[in-house]
């Protein structure tokens, strides 16, 4: 059984371990890694504002993923109308690749969509720099809306409407159902 909860400073070592595990996975594929910033990212768990959340595997008492949630979209790349909308912006979402079979990234994204709706937000947004991540986030129902050049990187800005997902509790209890649920998501809008 899985659950999302606010991160606490006591979680910092476990979050750093997840980030380092993901970094090893990325390095084995010659992809950019977060290894040099793992400790700084994990330290966000001690943020008194509670912006970082963790995905916890209760059966094994282990953190297998994390994401940071903020209530503002970064000001670059979005229209003034989009910036005025109530949103949650997910960033630094990291999962332990040893748990790929339970689709922790998809569980975190679906939680974000439901969590945003429960708190009166209209959208969940995120950004990424790699076409593979764009395709992955599209499988979670996100749509690519903008591409923006930021210093040395092209950033893809994505969004999905916030909505209540009554199935979420079942998915957190039995993550083997996540793949079937995701396959029924509507395709991203053009």
C-alpha atoms as a PDB file:
ATOM      1  CA  UNK A   1       0.000   0.000   0.000  1.00  0.00           C
ATOM      2  CA  UNK A   2       1.212   3.483  -0.918  1.00  0.00           C
ATOM      3  CA  UNK A   3       0.518   6.969   0.394  1.00  0.00           C
ATOM      4  CA  UNK A   4       1.572  10.524  -0.333  1.00  0.00           C
ATOM      5  CA  UNK A   5       2.474  12.683   2.637  1.00  0.00           C
ATOM      6  CA  UNK A   6       4.339  15.917   3.276  1.00  0.00           C
ATOM      7  CA  UNK A   7       8.073  15.371   3.553  1.00  0.00           C
ATOM      8  CA  UNK A   8       9.822  16.067   6.840  1.00  0.00           C
ATOM      9  CA  UNK A   9      13.461  16.799   7.564  1.00  0.00           C
ATOM     10  CA  UNK A  10      13.830  13.241   8.940  1.00  0.00           C
ATOM     11  CA  UNK A  11      13.133  12.024   5.357  1.00  0.00           C
ATOM     12  CA  UNK A  12      16.166  13.812   3.906  1.00  0.00           C
ATOM     13  CA  UNK A  13      18.506  10.747   3.843  1.00  0.00           C
ATOM     14  CA  UNK A  14      15.832   8.521   2.235  1.00  0.00           C
ATOM     15  CA  UNK A  15      15.035  11.163  -0.385  1.00  0.00           C
ATOM     16  CA  UNK A  16      18.747  11.592  -1.144  1.00  0.00           C
ATOM     17  CA  UNK A  17      18.980   7.806  -1.608  1.00  0.00           C
ATOM     18  CA  UNK A  18      16.088   7.899  -4.127  1.00  0.00           C
ATOM     19  CA  UNK A  19      17.730  10.774  -6.024  1.00  0.00           C
ATOM     20  CA  UNK A  20      21.090   8.979  -6.068  1.00  0.00           C
ATOM     21  CA  UNK A  21      19.445   5.752  -7.229  1.00  0.00           C
ATOM     22  CA  UNK A  22      17.757   7.634 -10.072  1.00  0.00           C
ATOM     23  CA  UNK A  23      21.056   9.375 -10.858  1.00  0.00           C
ATOM     24  CA  UNK A  24      22.803   6.012 -11.215  1.00  0.00           C
ATOM     25  CA  UNK A  25      20.023   4.855 -13.570  1.00  0.00           C
ATOM     26  CA  UNK A  26      20.427   8.042 -15.648  1.00  0.00           C
ATOM     27  CA  UNK A  27      24.223   7.774 -15.742  1.00  0.00           C
ATOM     28  CA  UNK A  28      24.000   4.185 -16.986  1.00  0.00           C
ATOM     29  CA  UNK A  29      22.042   5.584 -19.953  1.00  0.00           C
ATOM     30  CA  UNK A  30      24.426   8.519 -20.549  1.00  0.00           C
ATOM     31  CA  UNK A  31      21.754  10.998 -19.511  1.00  0.00           C
ATOM     32  CA  UNK A  32      22.145  14.133 -17.371  1.00  0.00           C
ATOM     33  CA  UNK A  33      21.946  13.401 -13.677  1.00  0.00           C
ATOM     34  CA  UNK A  34      21.021  15.086 -10.395  1.00  0.00           C
ATOM     35  CA  UNK A  35      23.912  13.558  -8.476  1.00  0.00           C
ATOM     36  CA  UNK A  36      25.681  16.883  -7.811  1.00  0.00           C
ATOM     37  CA  UNK A  37      22.489  18.429  -6.410  1.00  0.00           C
ATOM     38  CA  UNK A  38      21.030  15.356  -4.649  1.00  0.00           C
ATOM     39  CA  UNK A  39      21.725  16.644  -1.136  1.00  0.00           C
ATOM     40  CA  UNK A  40      20.344  20.118  -1.909  1.00  0.00           C
ATOM     41  CA  UNK A  41      17.195  18.659  -3.475  1.00  0.00           C
ATOM     42  CA  UNK A  42      16.692  16.247  -0.583  1.00  0.00           C
ATOM     43  CA  UNK A  43      17.118  19.106   1.882  1.00  0.00           C
ATOM     44  CA  UNK A  44      13.854  20.568   0.548  1.00  0.00           C
ATOM     45  CA  UNK A  45      12.202  17.975   2.796  1.00  0.00           C
ATOM     46  CA  UNK A  46      12.978  20.271   5.706  1.00  0.00           C
ATOM     47  CA  UNK A  47      11.172  23.218   4.116  1.00  0.00           C
ATOM     48  CA  UNK A  48       8.828  24.556   6.781  1.00  0.00           C
ATOM     49  CA  UNK A  49       6.256  25.383   4.090  1.00  0.00           C
ATOM     50  CA  UNK A  50       5.758  21.674   3.365  1.00  0.00           C
ATOM     51  CA  UNK A  51       6.207  22.012  -0.398  1.00  0.00           C
ATOM     52  CA  UNK A  52       7.896  18.611  -0.874  1.00  0.00           C
ATOM     53  CA  UNK A  53       5.786  15.449  -0.739  1.00  0.00           C
ATOM     54  CA  UNK A  54       6.938  11.836  -0.663  1.00  0.00           C
ATOM     55  CA  UNK A  55       5.442   8.622  -2.015  1.00  0.00           C
ATOM     56  CA  UNK A  56       5.818   6.021   0.697  1.00  0.00           C
ATOM     57  CA  UNK A  57       5.557   2.257   0.348  1.00  0.00           C
ATOM     58  CA  UNK A  58       3.901   1.306   3.649  1.00  0.00           C
ATOM     59  CA  UNK A  59       4.482  -2.414   3.121  1.00  0.00           C
ATOM     60  CA  UNK A  60       8.243  -1.874   3.187  1.00  0.00           C
ATOM     61  CA  UNK A  61       8.361   1.396   5.185  1.00  0.00           C
ATOM     62  CA  UNK A  62      10.284   2.994   2.359  1.00  0.00           C
ATOM     63  CA  UNK A  63      10.144   6.255   0.406  1.00  0.00           C
ATOM     64  CA  UNK A  64      10.134   5.480  -3.316  1.00  0.00           C
ATOM     65  CA  UNK A  65       9.483   8.909  -4.806  1.00  0.00           C
ATOM     66  CA  UNK A  66       9.079  12.602  -4.177  1.00  0.00           C
ATOM     67  CA  UNK A  67       7.803  15.760  -5.812  1.00  0.00           C
ATOM     68  CA  UNK A  68       7.749  19.415  -4.923  1.00  0.00           C
ATOM     69  CA  UNK A  69       4.478  21.322  -5.193  1.00  0.00           C
ATOM     70  CA  UNK A  70       4.171  25.064  -5.503  1.00  0.00           C
ATOM     71  CA  UNK A  71       1.115  27.217  -6.003  1.00  0.00           C
ATOM     72  CA  UNK A  72       2.633  29.443  -8.662  1.00  0.00           C
ATOM     73  CA  UNK A  73       3.656  28.649 -12.177  1.00  0.00           C
ATOM     74  CA  UNK A  74       7.166  29.932 -12.967  1.00  0.00           C
ATOM     75  CA  UNK A  75       6.657  33.319 -14.626  1.00  0.00           C
ATOM     76  CA  UNK A  76       8.478  32.506 -17.846  1.00  0.00           C
ATOM     77  CA  UNK A  77       6.835  30.809 -20.813  1.00  0.00           C
ATOM     78  CA  UNK A  78       3.203  31.154 -19.759  1.00  0.00           C
ATOM     79  CA  UNK A  79       0.641  33.700 -20.926  1.00  0.00           C
ATOM     80  CA  UNK A  80      -0.658  36.336 -18.491  1.00  0.00           C
ATOM     81  CA  UNK A  81      -4.017  34.518 -18.525  1.00  0.00           C
ATOM     82  CA  UNK A  82      -2.362  31.209 -17.624  1.00  0.00           C
ATOM     83  CA  UNK A  83      -0.366  32.854 -14.844  1.00  0.00           C
ATOM     84  CA  UNK A  84      -3.607  34.143 -13.305  1.00  0.00           C
ATOM     85  CA  UNK A  85      -5.165  30.652 -13.078  1.00  0.00           C
ATOM     86  CA  UNK A  86      -5.131  28.706  -9.791  1.00  0.00           C
ATOM     87  CA  UNK A  87      -2.591  25.896 -10.228  1.00  0.00           C
ATOM     88  CA  UNK A  88      -0.221  23.482  -8.633  1.00  0.00           C
ATOM     89  CA  UNK A  89       3.156  23.233 -10.294  1.00  0.00           C
ATOM     90  CA  UNK A  90       5.008  19.926  -9.818  1.00  0.00           C
ATOM     91  CA  UNK A  91       8.787  19.895 -10.061  1.00  0.00           C
ATOM     92  CA  UNK A  92      11.775  17.829  -8.984  1.00  0.00           C
ATOM     93  CA  UNK A  93       9.665  14.689  -9.242  1.00  0.00           C
ATOM     94  CA  UNK A  94      12.052  11.784  -8.676  1.00  0.00           C
ATOM     95  CA  UNK A  95      11.317   8.082  -8.280  1.00  0.00           C
ATOM     96  CA  UNK A  96      13.403   5.066  -7.380  1.00  0.00           C
ATOM     97  CA  UNK A  97      13.923   3.029 -10.581  1.00  0.00           C
ATOM     98  CA  UNK A  98      13.964  -0.175  -8.518  1.00  0.00           C
ATOM     99  CA  UNK A  99      10.193   0.252  -8.186  1.00  0.00           C
ATOM    100  CA  UNK A 100       9.348   0.942 -11.841  1.00  0.00           C
ATOM    101  CA  UNK A 101       6.821  -1.901 -11.966  1.00  0.00           C
ATOM    102  CA  UNK A 102       4.439  -0.001  -9.641  1.00  0.00           C
ATOM    103  CA  UNK A 103       4.702   3.187 -11.728  1.00  0.00           C
ATOM    104  CA  UNK A 104       5.524   5.564  -8.880  1.00  0.00           C
ATOM    105  CA  UNK A 105       5.836   8.575 -11.203  1.00  0.00           C
ATOM    106  CA  UNK A 106       2.334   8.003 -12.525  1.00  0.00           C
ATOM    107  CA  UNK A 107       0.989   7.554  -8.985  1.00  0.00           C
ATOM    108  CA  UNK A 108       2.576  10.876  -7.994  1.00  0.00           C
ATOM    109  CA  UNK A 109       1.152  12.637 -11.069  1.00  0.00           C
ATOM    110  CA  UNK A 110      -2.360  11.253 -10.494  1.00  0.00           C
ATOM    111  CA  UNK A 111      -2.154  12.242  -6.837  1.00  0.00           C
ATOM    112  CA  UNK A 112      -1.137  15.758  -7.949  1.00  0.00           C
ATOM    113  CA  UNK A 113      -4.166  16.014 -10.249  1.00  0.00           C
ATOM    114  CA  UNK A 114      -6.548  14.877  -7.494  1.00  0.00           C
ATOM    115  CA  UNK A 115      -4.816  16.908  -4.762  1.00  0.00           C
ATOM    116  CA  UNK A 116      -5.059  20.066  -6.877  1.00  0.00           C
ATOM    117  CA  UNK A 117      -8.783  19.523  -7.533  1.00  0.00           C
ATOM    118  CA  UNK A 118      -9.462  18.955  -3.817  1.00  0.00           C
ATOM    119  CA  UNK A 119      -7.847  22.315  -3.096  1.00  0.00           C
ATOM    120  CA  UNK A 120      -9.724  24.276  -5.745  1.00  0.00           C
ATOM    121  CA  UNK A 121      -6.962  24.467  -8.320  1.00  0.00           C
ATOM    122  CA  UNK A 122      -7.841  24.357 -12.025  1.00  0.00           C
ATOM    123  CA  UNK A 123      -4.578  22.997 -13.414  1.00  0.00           C
ATOM    124  CA  UNK A 124      -1.526  20.919 -12.632  1.00  0.00           C
ATOM    125  CA  UNK A 125       1.542  22.052 -14.544  1.00  0.00           C
ATOM    126  CA  UNK A 126       5.087  20.841 -14.921  1.00  0.00           C
ATOM    127  CA  UNK A 127       8.131  21.433 -17.068  1.00  0.00           C
ATOM    128  CA  UNK A 128      10.862  19.213 -18.465  1.00  0.00           C
ATOM    129  CA  UNK A 129      13.780  19.363 -20.860  1.00  0.00           C
ATOM    130  CA  UNK A 130      13.691  15.992 -22.602  1.00  0.00           C
ATOM    131  CA  UNK A 131      11.403  14.648 -25.348  1.00  0.00           C
ATOM    132  CA  UNK A 132      11.255  11.286 -23.544  1.00  0.00           C
ATOM    133  CA  UNK A 133       9.794  12.972 -20.467  1.00  0.00           C
ATOM    134  CA  UNK A 134       7.271  14.826 -22.616  1.00  0.00           C
ATOM    135  CA  UNK A 135       6.073  11.488 -24.011  1.00  0.00           C
ATOM    136  CA  UNK A 136       6.009   9.970 -20.510  1.00  0.00           C
ATOM    137  CA  UNK A 137       3.997  12.871 -19.055  1.00  0.00           C
ATOM    138  CA  UNK A 138       1.598  12.628 -21.989  1.00  0.00           C
ATOM    139  CA  UNK A 139       0.798   9.062 -20.863  1.00  0.00           C
ATOM    140  CA  UNK A 140      -0.337  10.678 -17.591  1.00  0.00           C
ATOM    141  CA  UNK A 141      -2.731  13.009 -19.440  1.00  0.00           C
ATOM    142  CA  UNK A 142      -0.493  16.093 -19.608  1.00  0.00           C
ATOM    143  CA  UNK A 143      -0.394  18.223 -22.756  1.00  0.00           C
ATOM    144  CA  UNK A 144       2.608  20.102 -24.106  1.00  0.00           C
ATOM    145  CA  UNK A 145       1.547  23.765 -24.248  1.00  0.00           C
ATOM    146  CA  UNK A 146       4.734  25.785 -24.697  1.00  0.00           C
ATOM    147  CA  UNK A 147       8.423  25.374 -25.436  1.00  0.00           C
ATOM    148  CA  UNK A 148      10.736  28.020 -24.027  1.00  0.00           C
ATOM    149  CA  UNK A 149      14.471  28.593 -24.358  1.00  0.00           C
ATOM    150  CA  UNK A 150      15.998  29.044 -20.874  1.00  0.00           C
ATOM    151  CA  UNK A 151      19.732  29.795 -20.849  1.00  0.00           C
ATOM    152  CA  UNK A 152      21.220  26.553 -22.198  1.00  0.00           C
ATOM    153  CA  UNK A 153      18.083  24.417 -22.224  1.00  0.00           C
ATOM    154  CA  UNK A 154      14.825  24.214 -24.098  1.00  0.00           C
ATOM    155  CA  UNK A 155      12.041  23.680 -21.540  1.00  0.00           C
ATOM    156  CA  UNK A 156       8.768  21.978 -22.421  1.00  0.00           C
ATOM    157  CA  UNK A 157       5.856  23.332 -20.367  1.00  0.00           C
ATOM    158  CA  UNK A 158       2.970  20.948 -19.828  1.00  0.00           C
ATOM    159  CA  UNK A 159      -0.423  21.020 -18.126  1.00  0.00           C
ATOM    160  CA  UNK A 160      -3.380  18.875 -17.208  1.00  0.00           C
ATOM    161  CA  UNK A 161      -6.728  19.919 -15.775  1.00  0.00           C
ATOM    162  CA  UNK A 162      -7.095  19.208 -12.080  1.00  0.00           C
ATOM    163  CA  UNK A 163      -9.840  16.678 -11.401  1.00  0.00           C
ATOM    164  CA  UNK A 164     -11.047  14.432  -8.640  1.00  0.00           C
ATOM    165  CA  UNK A 165      -9.947  10.849  -9.225  1.00  0.00           C
ATOM    166  CA  UNK A 166     -12.112   8.541  -7.108  1.00  0.00           C
ATOM    167  CA  UNK A 167     -10.009   5.578  -8.328  1.00  0.00           C
ATOM    168  CA  UNK A 168      -6.893   6.986  -6.671  1.00  0.00           C
ATOM    169  CA  UNK A 169      -7.392   5.182  -3.362  1.00  0.00           C
ATOM    170  CA  UNK A 170      -7.689   1.854  -5.196  1.00  0.00           C
ATOM    171  CA  UNK A 171      -4.559   2.617  -7.243  1.00  0.00           C
ATOM    172  CA  UNK A 172      -2.583   3.410  -4.081  1.00  0.00           C
ATOM    173  CA  UNK A 173      -3.787   0.141  -2.539  1.00  0.00           C
ATOM    174  CA  UNK A 174      -3.098  -1.947  -5.644  1.00  0.00           C
ATOM    175  CA  UNK A 175      -0.630  -0.189  -7.978  1.00  0.00           C
ATOM    176  CA  UNK A 176      -0.775  -3.128 -10.401  1.00  0.00           C
ATOM    177  CA  UNK A 177      -3.943  -1.392 -11.674  1.00  0.00           C
ATOM    178  CA  UNK A 178      -2.114   1.824 -12.637  1.00  0.00           C
ATOM    179  CA  UNK A 179      -1.188   0.652 -16.134  1.00  0.00           C
ATOM    180  CA  UNK A 180      -4.774  -0.279 -17.013  1.00  0.00           C
ATOM    181  CA  UNK A 181      -6.071   2.996 -15.539  1.00  0.00           C
ATOM    182  CA  UNK A 182      -3.496   5.064 -17.459  1.00  0.00           C
ATOM    183  CA  UNK A 183      -4.392   3.370 -20.730  1.00  0.00           C
ATOM    184  CA  UNK A 184      -7.936   4.724 -20.343  1.00  0.00           C
ATOM    185  CA  UNK A 185      -6.844   8.342 -19.902  1.00  0.00           C
ATOM    186  CA  UNK A 186      -7.903  10.598 -22.745  1.00  0.00           C
ATOM    187  CA  UNK A 187      -5.069  11.509 -25.079  1.00  0.00           C
ATOM    188  CA  UNK A 188      -3.482  14.903 -24.492  1.00  0.00           C
ATOM    189  CA  UNK A 189      -5.324  17.681 -26.245  1.00  0.00           C
ATOM    190  CA  UNK A 190      -3.596  19.140 -29.301  1.00  0.00           C
END
